[in-house]
C-alpha atoms as a PDB file:
ATOM      1  CA  MET A   1     -28.359 -33.132 -40.023  1.00  0.00           C
ATOM      2  CA  ASN A   2     -29.999 -30.220 -38.835  1.00  0.00           C
ATOM      3  CA  GLU A   3     -27.052 -27.981 -38.294  1.00  0.00           C
ATOM      4  CA  LYS A   4     -26.419 -28.957 -42.272  1.00  0.00           C
ATOM      5  CA  ILE A   5     -29.603 -28.046 -42.925  1.00  0.00           C
ATOM      6  CA  SER A   6     -29.612 -24.797 -41.596  1.00  0.00           C
ATOM      7  CA  ALA A   7     -26.374 -23.978 -43.101  1.00  0.00           C
ATOM      8  CA  GLY A   8     -27.835 -24.991 -46.589  1.00  0.00           C
ATOM      9  CA  ILE A   9     -30.489 -22.730 -45.814  1.00  0.00           C
ATOM     10  CA  PHE A  10     -28.297 -19.924 -44.861  1.00  0.00           C
ATOM     11  CA  THR A  11     -26.296 -20.198 -47.847  1.00  0.00           C
ATOM     12  CA  PHE A  12     -29.133 -20.349 -50.029  1.00  0.00           C
ATOM     13  CA  LEU A  13     -30.699 -16.971 -48.788  1.00  0.00           C
ATOM     14  CA  LEU A  14     -27.031 -15.348 -49.203  1.00  0.00           C
ATOM     15  CA  ILE A  15     -27.469 -16.230 -52.775  1.00  0.00           C
ATOM     16  CA  LEU A  16     -30.715 -15.138 -53.322  1.00  0.00           C
ATOM     17  CA  TYR A  17     -30.191 -11.989 -51.514  1.00  0.00           C
ATOM     18  CA  PHE A  18     -26.351 -11.261 -52.524  1.00  0.00           C
ATOM     19  CA  PRO A  19     -25.891 -11.847 -56.378  1.00  0.00           C
ATOM     20  CA  LEU A  20     -23.028 -13.517 -57.547  1.00  0.00           C
ATOM     21  CA  GLY A  21     -20.132 -10.692 -58.347  1.00  0.00           C
ATOM     22  CA  ILE A  22     -20.619  -9.000 -55.141  1.00  0.00           C
ATOM     23  CA  ASN A  23     -17.630  -9.584 -52.858  1.00  0.00           C
ATOM     24  CA  THR A  24     -18.214  -7.694 -49.993  1.00  0.00           C
ATOM     25  CA  LEU A  25     -21.128  -8.241 -47.565  1.00  0.00           C
ATOM     26  CA  THR A  26     -22.503  -5.052 -46.315  1.00  0.00           C
ATOM     27  CA  VAL A  27     -23.575  -4.892 -42.895  1.00  0.00           C
ATOM     28  CA  LEU A  28     -25.418  -2.250 -40.840  1.00  0.00           C
ATOM     29  CA  TYR A  29     -25.330  -2.770 -37.083  1.00  0.00           C
ATOM     30  CA  VAL A  30     -25.704  -1.101 -33.633  1.00  0.00           C
ATOM     31  CA  ASN A  31     -22.440  -0.588 -32.371  1.00  0.00           C
ATOM     32  CA  PRO A  32     -21.648  -1.812 -29.580  1.00  0.00           C
ATOM     33  CA  SER A  33     -24.332  -4.642 -29.953  1.00  0.00           C
ATOM     34  CA  THR A  34     -24.907  -5.145 -25.870  1.00  0.00           C
ATOM     35  CA  ILE A  35     -24.928  -2.083 -23.430  1.00  0.00           C
ATOM     36  CA  ILE A  36     -24.772  -2.700 -19.654  1.00  0.00           C
ATOM     37  CA  THR A  37     -26.077   0.368 -17.838  1.00  0.00           C
ATOM     38  CA  SER A  38     -27.961   1.568 -14.977  1.00  0.00           C
ATOM     39  CA  VAL A  39     -30.945   3.837 -13.953  1.00  0.00           C
ATOM     40  CA  GLY A  40     -29.859   7.318 -14.601  1.00  0.00           C
ATOM     41  CA  ASP A  41     -26.919   6.967 -16.942  1.00  0.00           C
ATOM     42  CA  THR A  42     -26.205   8.294 -20.408  1.00  0.00           C
ATOM     43  CA  PHE A  43     -24.543   6.322 -23.428  1.00  0.00           C
ATOM     44  CA  SER A  44     -24.514   6.323 -26.840  1.00  0.00           C
ATOM     45  CA  VAL A  45     -24.333   3.717 -29.741  1.00  0.00           C
ATOM     46  CA  ASN A  46     -22.862   4.042 -32.911  1.00  0.00           C
ATOM     47  CA  ILE A  47     -24.833   3.047 -36.457  1.00  0.00           C
ATOM     48  CA  THR A  48     -22.009   1.482 -38.107  1.00  0.00           C
ATOM     49  CA  ILE A  49     -21.546   0.284 -41.805  1.00  0.00           C
ATOM     50  CA  SER A  50     -19.046  -2.068 -42.965  1.00  0.00           C
ATOM     51  CA  GLY A  51     -18.019  -3.552 -46.221  1.00  0.00           C
ATOM     52  CA  VAL A  52     -19.807  -1.208 -48.249  1.00  0.00           C
ATOM     53  CA  ASN A  53     -18.907   0.058 -52.053  1.00  0.00           C
ATOM     54  CA  ASP A  54     -20.215   3.616 -53.651  1.00  0.00           C
ATOM     55  CA  LEU A  55     -22.153   4.642 -50.571  1.00  0.00           C
ATOM     56  CA  GLY A  56     -23.998   7.620 -51.670  1.00  0.00           C
ATOM     57  CA  GLY A  57     -27.304   7.668 -48.911  1.00  0.00           C
ATOM     58  CA  TRP A  58     -28.607   5.682 -46.137  1.00  0.00           C
ATOM     59  CA  GLU A  59     -31.735   5.649 -44.151  1.00  0.00           C
ATOM     60  CA  PHE A  60     -32.766   3.895 -40.768  1.00  0.00           C
ATOM     61  CA  LYS A  61     -35.166   3.530 -38.365  1.00  0.00           C
ATOM     62  CA  LEU A  62     -34.396   2.433 -34.881  1.00  0.00           C
ATOM     63  CA  TYR A  63     -36.941   1.382 -32.265  1.00  0.00           C
ATOM     64  CA  TYR A  64     -36.434   1.108 -28.496  1.00  0.00           C
ATOM     65  CA  LEU A  65     -38.498   0.596 -25.339  1.00  0.00           C
ATOM     66  CA  SER A  66     -39.336   3.949 -24.026  1.00  0.00           C
ATOM     67  CA  SER A  67     -40.239   2.764 -20.493  1.00  0.00           C
ATOM     68  CA  ASN A  68     -36.562   1.972 -20.327  1.00  0.00           C
ATOM     69  CA  LEU A  69     -34.779   4.269 -22.427  1.00  0.00           C
ATOM     70  CA  ASN A  70     -35.345   8.055 -23.415  1.00  0.00           C
ATOM     71  CA  GLY A  71     -33.758   9.332 -26.355  1.00  0.00           C
ATOM     72  CA  THR A  72     -31.628  12.494 -26.040  1.00  0.00           C
ATOM     73  CA  ASP A  73     -29.390  12.813 -28.859  1.00  0.00           C
ATOM     74  CA  LEU A  74     -29.058  12.157 -32.664  1.00  0.00           C
ATOM     75  CA  VAL A  75     -26.207  13.556 -34.941  1.00  0.00           C
ATOM     76  CA  GLN A  76     -24.536  12.562 -38.131  1.00  0.00           C
ATOM     77  CA  GLY A  77     -21.625  10.373 -38.048  1.00  0.00           C
ATOM     78  CA  PRO A  78     -18.628  11.183 -40.309  1.00  0.00           C
ATOM     79  CA  PHE A  79     -18.819   8.205 -42.429  1.00  0.00           C
ATOM     80  CA  LEU A  80     -20.432   9.873 -45.524  1.00  0.00           C
ATOM     81  CA  LYS A  81     -18.906  13.369 -44.813  1.00  0.00           C
ATOM     82  CA  GLN A  82     -15.920  11.747 -46.549  1.00  0.00           C
ATOM     83  CA  GLY A  83     -17.509  12.137 -50.298  1.00  0.00           C
ATOM     84  CA  GLY A  84     -18.427  15.579 -49.537  1.00  0.00           C
ATOM     85  CA  SER A  85     -21.182  18.203 -48.376  1.00  0.00           C
ATOM     86  CA  THR A  86     -24.493  15.736 -46.986  1.00  0.00           C
ATOM     87  CA  TYR A  87     -27.933  16.666 -46.567  1.00  0.00           C
ATOM     88  CA  PHE A  88     -28.744  15.372 -43.242  1.00  0.00           C
ATOM     89  CA  GLU A  89     -32.507  14.714 -41.752  1.00  0.00           C
ATOM     90  CA  ILE A  90     -34.103  13.603 -38.731  1.00  0.00           C
ATOM     91  CA  ILE A  91     -37.440  12.831 -39.748  1.00  0.00           C
ATOM     92  CA  ASP A  92     -38.554  11.390 -36.541  1.00  0.00           C
ATOM     93  CA  PHE A  93     -36.854  11.250 -33.400  1.00  0.00           C
ATOM     94  CA  THR A  94     -39.430  10.791 -30.198  1.00  0.00           C
ATOM     95  CA  ASP A  95     -40.171   8.603 -27.156  1.00  0.00           C
ATOM     96  CA  ASN A  96     -43.555   8.667 -28.089  1.00  0.00           C
ATOM     97  CA  TYR A  97     -43.920   6.699 -31.324  1.00  0.00           C
ATOM     98  CA  ASN A  98     -46.443   4.678 -29.863  1.00  0.00           C
ATOM     99  CA  SER A  99     -47.686   3.527 -26.626  1.00  0.00           C
ATOM    100  CA  THR A 100     -44.617   1.177 -25.966  1.00  0.00           C
ATOM    101  CA  HIS A 101     -41.862   2.597 -28.377  1.00  0.00           C
ATOM    102  CA  GLY A 102     -39.918   5.253 -29.184  1.00  0.00           C
ATOM    103  CA  ILE A 103     -38.034   5.658 -32.875  1.00  0.00           C
ATOM    104  CA  ALA A 104     -35.181   7.362 -34.095  1.00  0.00           C
ATOM    105  CA  TRP A 105     -35.710   7.752 -37.824  1.00  0.00           C
ATOM    106  CA  VAL A 106     -33.230   9.475 -40.119  1.00  0.00           C
ATOM    107  CA  THR A 107     -31.782   9.963 -43.631  1.00  0.00           C
ATOM    108  CA  CYS A 108     -28.740  11.128 -45.315  1.00  0.00           C
ATOM    109  CA  ALA A 109     -27.436  11.722 -48.626  1.00  0.00           C
ATOM    110  CA  LEU A 110     -24.665  13.171 -50.535  1.00  0.00           C
ATOM    111  CA  LEU A 111     -24.797  16.289 -52.390  1.00  0.00           C
ATOM    112  CA  GLY A 112     -23.944  16.687 -55.990  1.00  0.00           C
ATOM    113  CA  ALA A 113     -22.480  14.238 -58.358  1.00  0.00           C
ATOM    114  CA  GLY A 114     -19.519  12.146 -57.834  1.00  0.00           C
ATOM    115  CA  PRO A 115     -18.376   8.838 -56.454  1.00  0.00           C
ATOM    116  CA  GLY A 116     -20.028   6.991 -53.213  1.00  0.00           C
ATOM    117  CA  VAL A 117     -17.846   6.344 -50.096  1.00  0.00           C
ATOM    118  CA  ASP A 118     -16.450   3.019 -50.071  1.00  0.00           C
ATOM    119  CA  GLY A 119     -15.311   1.014 -46.693  1.00  0.00           C
ATOM    120  CA  ASN A 120     -16.293   0.852 -42.871  1.00  0.00           C
ATOM    121  CA  GLY A 121     -17.689   3.667 -40.438  1.00  0.00           C
ATOM    122  CA  THR A 122     -20.129   5.487 -38.154  1.00  0.00           C
ATOM    123  CA  LEU A 123     -23.308   6.708 -40.308  1.00  0.00           C
ATOM    124  CA  ALA A 124     -24.698   8.077 -36.826  1.00  0.00           C
ATOM    125  CA  VAL A 125     -24.308   8.234 -33.164  1.00  0.00           C
ATOM    126  CA  ILE A 126     -27.632   8.133 -30.722  1.00  0.00           C
ATOM    127  CA  THR A 127     -27.461   9.193 -27.268  1.00  0.00           C
ATOM    128  CA  PHE A 128     -29.963   7.841 -24.756  1.00  0.00           C
ATOM    129  CA  LYS A 129     -30.315   7.774 -20.902  1.00  0.00           C
ATOM    130  CA  ALA A 130     -31.588   4.985 -18.953  1.00  0.00           C
ATOM    131  CA  GLN A 131     -35.200   5.364 -17.182  1.00  0.00           C
ATOM    132  CA  GLN A 132     -35.823   2.147 -15.841  1.00  0.00           C
ATOM    133  CA  LEU A 133     -34.549  -1.441 -14.927  1.00  0.00           C
ATOM    134  CA  GLY A 134     -35.270  -3.780 -17.481  1.00  0.00           C
ATOM    135  CA  THR A 135     -33.941  -4.742 -21.117  1.00  0.00           C
ATOM    136  CA  SER A 136     -34.655  -3.075 -24.233  1.00  0.00           C
ATOM    137  CA  GLY A 137     -33.704  -4.278 -28.093  1.00  0.00           C
ATOM    138  CA  LEU A 138     -32.341  -1.698 -30.160  1.00  0.00           C
ATOM    139  CA  SER A 139     -33.962  -2.711 -33.362  1.00  0.00           C
ATOM    140  CA  LEU A 140     -33.006  -1.632 -36.825  1.00  0.00           C
ATOM    141  CA  THR A 141     -35.752  -1.568 -39.531  1.00  0.00           C
ATOM    142  CA  ASP A 142     -36.491  -0.205 -42.600  1.00  0.00           C
ATOM    143  CA  THR A 143     -32.828   0.197 -43.843  1.00  0.00           C
ATOM    144  CA  LEU A 144     -31.958   1.712 -47.189  1.00  0.00           C
ATOM    145  CA  LEU A 145     -28.309   1.843 -48.236  1.00  0.00           C
ATOM    146  CA  SER A 146     -27.965   3.220 -52.107  1.00  0.00           C
ATOM    147  CA  ASP A 147     -25.799   4.646 -54.318  1.00  0.00           C
ATOM    148  CA  SER A 148     -27.745   4.893 -58.125  1.00  0.00           C
ATOM    149  CA  GLN A 149     -29.493   1.641 -56.774  1.00  0.00           C
ATOM    150  CA  PRO A 150     -30.321  -0.053 -53.459  1.00  0.00           C
ATOM    151  CA  ILE A 151     -27.247  -1.622 -52.074  1.00  0.00           C
ATOM    152  CA  PRO A 152     -27.831  -5.044 -50.466  1.00  0.00           C
ATOM    153  CA  HIS A 153     -27.056  -5.368 -47.110  1.00  0.00           C
ATOM    154  CA  ILE A 154     -28.248  -6.666 -43.550  1.00  0.00           C
ATOM    155  CA  ALA A 155     -28.791  -5.077 -40.326  1.00  0.00           C
ATOM    156  CA  LEU A 156     -27.961  -6.522 -37.076  1.00  0.00           C
ATOM    157  CA  ASN A 157     -29.818  -5.249 -34.242  1.00  0.00           C
ATOM    158  CA  GLY A 158     -28.294  -4.267 -30.729  1.00  0.00           C
ATOM    159  CA  ILE A 159     -29.512  -4.714 -26.923  1.00  0.00           C
ATOM    160  CA  VAL A 160     -29.665  -2.713 -23.721  1.00  0.00           C
ATOM    161  CA  HIS A 161     -29.641  -3.936 -19.949  1.00  0.00           C
ATOM    162  CA  VAL A 162     -30.561  -1.708 -17.566  1.00  0.00           C
ATOM    163  CA  LEU A 163     -29.401  -3.252 -14.431  1.00  0.00           C
ATOM    164  CA  PRO A 164     -29.335  -2.807 -10.872  1.00  0.00           C
ATOM    165  CA  HIS A 165     -26.832  -0.613  -8.408  1.00  0.00           C
ATOM    166  CA  ASP A 166     -28.040  -2.260  -5.043  1.00  0.00           C
ATOM    167  CA  VAL A 167     -25.904  -2.097  -1.489  1.00  0.00           C
ATOM    168  CA  ALA A 168     -27.352  -3.454   1.405  1.00  0.00           C
ATOM    169  CA  ILE A 169     -26.903  -4.405   5.150  1.00  0.00           C
ATOM    170  CA  THR A 170     -27.647  -8.129   5.846  1.00  0.00           C
ATOM    171  CA  ASP A 171     -26.527  -8.635   9.361  1.00  0.00           C
ATOM    172  CA  LEU A 172     -25.709  -6.706  12.428  1.00  0.00           C
ATOM    173  CA  THR A 173     -24.267  -8.159  15.770  1.00  0.00           C
ATOM    174  CA  LEU A 174     -23.034  -7.037  19.043  1.00  0.00           C
ATOM    175  CA  SER A 175     -20.311  -8.469  21.407  1.00  0.00           C
ATOM    176  CA  LYS A 176     -22.681  -7.205  24.125  1.00  0.00           C
ATOM    177  CA  THR A 177     -25.969  -5.903  24.918  1.00  0.00           C
ATOM    178  CA  VAL A 178     -25.230  -3.839  28.574  1.00  0.00           C
ATOM    179  CA  VAL A 179     -22.017  -1.876  28.335  1.00  0.00           C
ATOM    180  CA  GLY A 180     -20.488   0.605  31.358  1.00  0.00           C
ATOM    181  CA  GLN A 181     -20.965   3.977  30.617  1.00  0.00           C
ATOM    182  CA  GLY A 182     -17.203   5.260  28.742  1.00  0.00           C
ATOM    183  CA  LEU A 183     -16.581   1.828  27.757  1.00  0.00           C
ATOM    184  CA  THR A 184     -16.703   0.151  24.097  1.00  0.00           C
ATOM    185  CA  VAL A 185     -18.996  -2.132  22.073  1.00  0.00           C
ATOM    186  CA  LYS A 186     -17.623  -4.029  19.135  1.00  0.00           C
ATOM    187  CA  MET A 187     -20.341  -4.883  16.677  1.00  0.00           C
ATOM    188  CA  ASP A 188     -19.878  -6.848  13.353  1.00  0.00           C
ATOM    189  CA  VAL A 189     -22.086  -5.427  10.053  1.00  0.00           C
ATOM    190  CA  ASN A 190     -22.487  -7.882   7.259  1.00  0.00           C
ATOM    191  CA  ILE A 191     -22.531  -5.751   3.720  1.00  0.00           C
ATOM    192  CA  SER A 192     -23.269  -6.919   0.520  1.00  0.00           C
ATOM    193  CA  ASP A 193     -23.561  -5.722  -2.985  1.00  0.00           C
ATOM    194  CA  GLN A 194     -26.497  -7.510  -4.569  1.00  0.00           C
ATOM    195  CA  GLY A 195     -26.214  -5.087  -7.807  1.00  0.00           C
ATOM    196  CA  ASN A 196     -24.276  -5.961 -11.141  1.00  0.00           C
ATOM    197  CA  PHE A 197     -21.650  -3.355 -10.505  1.00  0.00           C
ATOM    198  CA  THR A 198     -18.569  -2.869  -8.208  1.00  0.00           C
ATOM    199  CA  GLU A 199     -19.318   0.077  -5.935  1.00  0.00           C
ATOM    200  CA  THR A 200     -17.435   2.126  -3.606  1.00  0.00           C
ATOM    201  CA  PHE A 201     -19.858   3.559  -0.697  1.00  0.00           C
ATOM    202  CA  ASN A 202     -19.810   4.584   2.829  1.00  0.00           C
ATOM    203  CA  VAL A 203     -21.468   2.769   5.931  1.00  0.00           C
ATOM    204  CA  THR A 204     -22.403   4.670   9.002  1.00  0.00           C
ATOM    205  CA  VAL A 205     -23.568   3.180  12.284  1.00  0.00           C
ATOM    206  CA  TYR A 206     -25.810   4.874  14.889  1.00  0.00           C
ATOM    207  CA  ALA A 207     -26.825   4.773  18.557  1.00  0.00           C
ATOM    208  CA  ASN A 208     -30.318   6.601  18.100  1.00  0.00           C
ATOM    209  CA  LEU A 209     -29.567   9.269  15.683  1.00  0.00           C
ATOM    210  CA  THR A 210     -26.181  10.007  16.797  1.00  0.00           C
ATOM    211  CA  SER A 211     -23.490   8.622  14.347  1.00  0.00           C
ATOM    212  CA  PHE A 212     -20.433   6.995  16.019  1.00  0.00           C
ATOM    213  CA  ALA A 213     -18.279   5.855  13.152  1.00  0.00           C
ATOM    214  CA  THR A 214     -18.041   5.351   9.353  1.00  0.00           C
ATOM    215  CA  GLN A 215     -16.193   3.210   7.197  1.00  0.00           C
ATOM    216  CA  THR A 216     -15.623   3.324   3.485  1.00  0.00           C
ATOM    217  CA  ILE A 217     -16.507  -0.103   1.305  1.00  0.00           C
ATOM    218  CA  THR A 218     -15.419  -1.347  -1.935  1.00  0.00           C
ATOM    219  CA  LEU A 219     -17.356  -4.815  -3.466  1.00  0.00           C
ATOM    220  CA  THR A 220     -17.656  -6.253  -6.376  1.00  0.00           C
ATOM    221  CA  SER A 221     -20.831  -7.691  -7.886  1.00  0.00           C
ATOM    222  CA  GLY A 222     -22.129 -10.463  -5.708  1.00  0.00           C
ATOM    223  CA  ASN A 223     -19.733 -10.244  -2.967  1.00  0.00           C
ATOM    224  CA  SER A 224     -20.188  -9.670   0.696  1.00  0.00           C
ATOM    225  CA  THR A 225     -17.859  -8.515   3.435  1.00  0.00           C
ATOM    226  CA  THR A 226     -17.843  -7.927   7.375  1.00  0.00           C
ATOM    227  CA  SER A 227     -16.553  -4.899   9.065  1.00  0.00           C
ATOM    228  CA  THR A 228     -15.906  -4.422  12.795  1.00  0.00           C
ATOM    229  CA  PHE A 229     -16.992  -1.399  14.204  1.00  0.00           C
ATOM    230  CA  THR A 230     -16.205   0.020  17.695  1.00  0.00           C
ATOM    231  CA  TRP A 231     -18.939   2.247  19.606  1.00  0.00           C
ATOM    232  CA  ASN A 232     -16.967   4.117  22.794  1.00  0.00           C
ATOM    233  CA  THR A 233     -19.740   5.422  24.772  1.00  0.00           C
ATOM    234  CA  THR A 234     -17.887   8.022  26.492  1.00  0.00           C
ATOM    235  CA  GLY A 235     -20.244  11.173  26.313  1.00  0.00           C
ATOM    236  CA  PHE A 236     -23.418   9.182  25.898  1.00  0.00           C
ATOM    237  CA  ALA A 237     -25.567   9.229  29.054  1.00  0.00           C
ATOM    238  CA  LYS A 238     -26.762   6.193  30.506  1.00  0.00           C
ATOM    239  CA  GLY A 239     -30.140   4.820  28.934  1.00  0.00           C
ATOM    240  CA  ASN A 240     -31.187   2.741  26.137  1.00  0.00           C
ATOM    241  CA  TYR A 241     -29.997   3.162  22.553  1.00  0.00           C
ATOM    242  CA  THR A 242     -30.981   1.408  19.592  1.00  0.00           C
ATOM    243  CA  ILE A 243     -28.253   0.598  17.355  1.00  0.00           C
ATOM    244  CA  SER A 244     -28.278   0.447  13.564  1.00  0.00           C
ATOM    245  CA  ALA A 245     -26.109   0.627  10.505  1.00  0.00           C
ATOM    246  CA  TYR A 246     -26.845   2.396   7.224  1.00  0.00           C
ATOM    247  CA  ALA A 247     -25.350   1.691   3.797  1.00  0.00           C
ATOM    248  CA  TRP A 248     -25.411   4.822   2.078  1.00  0.00           C
ATOM    249  CA  PRO A 249     -27.062   4.612  -1.434  1.00  0.00           C
ATOM    250  CA  VAL A 250     -24.840   4.217  -4.649  1.00  0.00           C
ATOM    251  CA  GLN A 251     -25.339   6.647  -7.748  1.00  0.00           C
ATOM    252  CA  GLY A 252     -28.332   4.616  -9.458  1.00  0.00           C
ATOM    253  CA  GLU A 253     -29.483   3.060  -6.800  1.00  0.00           C
ATOM    254  CA  THR A 254     -33.216   2.588  -6.624  1.00  0.00           C
ATOM    255  CA  HIS A 255     -33.817  -0.250  -4.229  1.00  0.00           C
ATOM    256  CA  THR A 256     -33.104   1.077  -0.786  1.00  0.00           C
ATOM    257  CA  ALA A 257     -35.025  -0.405   1.545  1.00  0.00           C
ATOM    258  CA  ASP A 258     -32.379  -2.782   2.682  1.00  0.00           C
ATOM    259  CA  ASN A 259     -29.632  -0.501   3.028  1.00  0.00           C
ATOM    260  CA  ASN A 260     -30.697   0.297   6.995  1.00  0.00           C
ATOM    261  CA  TYR A 261     -30.350  -2.394   9.471  1.00  0.00           C
ATOM    262  CA  THR A 262     -31.534  -2.222  12.847  1.00  0.00           C
ATOM    263  CA  TYR A 263     -30.151  -4.277  15.775  1.00  0.00           C
ATOM    264  CA  SER A 264     -33.351  -6.542  17.129  1.00  0.00           C
ATOM    265  CA  GLN A 265     -32.778  -5.303  20.713  1.00  0.00           C
ATOM    266  CA  LYS A 266     -31.739  -2.068  23.177  1.00  0.00           C
ATOM    267  CA  ILE A 267     -28.121  -1.652  24.202  1.00  0.00           C
ATOM    268  CA  ILE A 268     -28.024  -0.712  27.758  1.00  0.00           C
ATOM    269  CA  VAL A 269     -25.768   1.817  28.637  1.00  0.00           C
ATOM    270  CA  THR A 270     -25.136   1.830  32.311  1.00  0.00           C
ATOM    271  CA  LEU A 271     -22.885   1.779  35.250  1.00  0.00           C
ATOM    272  CA  ALA A 272     -19.671  -0.577  34.806  1.00  0.00           C
ATOM    273  CA  GLY A 273     -20.638  -3.739  36.602  1.00  0.00           C
ATOM    274  CA  ASP A 274     -24.461  -3.621  35.974  1.00  0.00           C
ATOM    275  CA  PHE A 275     -24.282  -6.538  34.243  1.00  0.00           C
ATOM    276  CA  ASP A 276     -27.796  -7.374  34.279  1.00  0.00           C
ATOM    277  CA  GLY A 277     -28.946  -3.863  33.431  1.00  0.00           C
ATOM    278  CA  ASP A 278     -31.217  -3.295  36.369  1.00  0.00           C
ATOM    279  CA  GLY A 279     -29.490  -0.106  37.490  1.00  0.00           C
ATOM    280  CA  PHE A 280     -27.364  -1.538  40.628  1.00  0.00           C
ATOM    281  CA  VAL A 281     -24.027  -3.253  41.078  1.00  0.00           C
ATOM    282  CA  TYR A 282     -25.055  -5.922  43.329  1.00  0.00           C
ATOM    283  CA  VAL A 283     -25.059  -9.571  44.370  1.00  0.00           C
ATOM    284  CA  ASP A 284     -26.313 -10.593  40.936  1.00  0.00           C
ATOM    285  CA  ASP A 285     -23.614  -8.638  39.079  1.00  0.00           C
ATOM    286  CA  LEU A 286     -21.081 -10.271  41.576  1.00  0.00           C
ATOM    287  CA  ASN A 287     -22.089 -13.924  40.559  1.00  0.00           C
ATOM    288  CA  ILE A 288     -21.978 -13.060  36.727  1.00  0.00           C
ATOM    289  CA  PHE A 289     -18.522 -11.327  37.476  1.00  0.00           C
ATOM    290  CA  GLY A 290     -17.455 -14.353  39.325  1.00  0.00           C
ATOM    291  CA  ARG A 291     -18.163 -17.159  36.797  1.00  0.00           C
ATOM    292  CA  ALA A 292     -16.351 -15.131  34.256  1.00  0.00           C
ATOM    293  CA  TRP A 293     -13.045 -14.317  36.554  1.00  0.00           C
ATOM    294  CA  TYR A 294     -10.050 -15.135  35.280  1.00  0.00           C
ATOM    295  CA  THR A 295     -11.325 -16.157  31.740  1.00  0.00           C
ATOM    296  CA  ARG A 296      -9.900 -15.354  28.217  1.00  0.00           C
ATOM    297  CA  GLU A 297     -12.425 -15.355  25.040  1.00  0.00           C
ATOM    298  CA  GLY A 298     -12.944 -18.470  23.817  1.00  0.00           C
ATOM    299  CA  ASP A 299     -13.232 -20.277  27.426  1.00  0.00           C
ATOM    300  CA  PRO A 300     -16.277 -21.635  28.411  1.00  0.00           C
ATOM    301  CA  TYR A 301     -17.377 -19.013  30.920  1.00  0.00           C
ATOM    302  CA  TYR A 302     -15.892 -16.045  29.403  1.00  0.00           C
ATOM    303  CA  ASN A 303     -18.233 -13.099  29.232  1.00  0.00           C
ATOM    304  CA  PRO A 304     -17.612 -10.189  27.119  1.00  0.00           C
ATOM    305  CA  LEU A 305     -20.083  -8.211  29.405  1.00  0.00           C
ATOM    306  CA  CYS A 306     -17.208  -8.410  32.291  1.00  0.00           C
ATOM    307  CA  ASP A 307     -14.124  -7.947  29.774  1.00  0.00           C
ATOM    308  CA  PHE A 308     -14.196  -3.757  30.212  1.00  0.00           C
ATOM    309  CA  ASP A 309     -11.514  -3.015  28.330  1.00  0.00           C
ATOM    310  CA  GLY A 310     -12.136  -5.515  25.398  1.00  0.00           C
ATOM    311  CA  ASP A 311      -8.695  -6.947  25.659  1.00  0.00           C
ATOM    312  CA  GLY A 312     -10.165 -10.561  25.913  1.00  0.00           C
ATOM    313  CA  PHE A 313      -8.831 -11.510  29.291  1.00  0.00           C
ATOM    314  CA  ILE A 314     -10.950 -10.782  32.705  1.00  0.00           C
ATOM    315  CA  TYR A 315      -8.521  -9.797  35.375  1.00  0.00           C
ATOM    316  CA  LEU A 316      -7.192  -7.126  37.447  1.00  0.00           C
ATOM    317  CA  ASP A 317      -8.569  -4.341  35.228  1.00  0.00           C
ATOM    318  CA  GLU A 318     -11.938  -5.545  35.688  1.00  0.00           C
ATOM    319  CA  LEU A 319     -11.789  -6.275  39.140  1.00  0.00           C
ATOM    320  CA  ASP A 320     -10.603  -2.805  39.837  1.00  0.00           C
ATOM    321  CA  VAL A 321     -13.607  -1.209  38.076  1.00  0.00           C
ATOM    322  CA  PHE A 322     -15.931  -3.653  39.129  1.00  0.00           C
ATOM    323  CA  GLY A 323     -14.873  -2.987  42.970  1.00  0.00           C
ATOM    324  CA  ARG A 324     -14.947   0.761  42.741  1.00  0.00           C
ATOM    325  CA  ASN A 325     -18.537   0.466  41.402  1.00  0.00           C
ATOM    326  CA  TRP A 326     -19.814  -2.227  44.249  1.00  0.00           C
ATOM    327  CA  TYR A 327     -23.066  -1.481  45.605  1.00  0.00           C
ATOM    328  CA  LYS A 328     -23.861   1.444  43.479  1.00  0.00           C
ATOM    329  CA  HIS A 329     -26.839   2.741  41.629  1.00  0.00           C
ATOM    330  CA  ALA A 330     -26.333   3.639  37.904  1.00  0.00           C
ATOM    331  CA  THR A 331     -28.748   6.613  38.316  1.00  0.00           C
ATOM    332  CA  ASN A 332     -26.149   8.503  40.291  1.00  0.00           C
ATOM    333  CA  GLY A 333     -23.585   6.314  40.955  1.00  0.00           C
ATOM    334  CA  GLU A 334     -23.638   6.365  44.581  1.00  0.00           C
ATOM    335  CA  PRO A 335     -24.787   3.730  47.438  1.00  0.00           C
END
């Protein structure tokens, strides 16, 4: 019943507003009606008319939130020019109409005698730059269409959503926290697109301030991925290192605090076989190696610290390296 009442009221209002004999409903509207953009982007909207007969002149005011949008350009569209020369005036175009809103106030009319223009087309084009995240209406008010008399019409507003670009590093895990100098460490970096756009960007991993690998990542909005990086410690001095991953900001990204992720503990680069990181390959390390000997990745006693070549199997290659470093100090490699 409520739907029937609403439909009846709408029909009654149309009859009052559009007298019998007018066959075409004239509409003035923002086109496109919905804009999705991001901070720093520039976009344009058309003020479009449809179903008009004998249009000789027009005027409108369009309000927008100046905290979200800045108006940058306003030009006449081609529609009325089909009828001949026109007078086009920007009465007011400012972001500072009041404390909250900007305005685009413009008028246009055909010059000289003659018929107006019929049909559909663009009256004006307004260009904006997105300044801040949020939503702004594009409100058409005080609209006037005329030939010799005002032309009845309806005006439809638009809306602009300024949405975020936001990529993030959400986790970082390492295969081992002690590594022999010249050997490798694998690390898994969890990367997320927390914004509203598909992004292509670089992720770089660092040991202290030295980058050692970069990958290019593409993610759609709301999705994440885990990428594996390998740190080859050849050329790095023995010592403690902070490992971090950094997602390079994408265009329009304002929230960059989560672009960097630092692993929770220092990684020790030492002599291969110094599994406990005490700087000496001795009995404690032999116990660790002995428990892991002849195990494969997935076995209960498999220990990635002892898998020097990273092939998932602790066997003769590892025994050879461990034997050569037995009873040596990490500082100078000598007993």
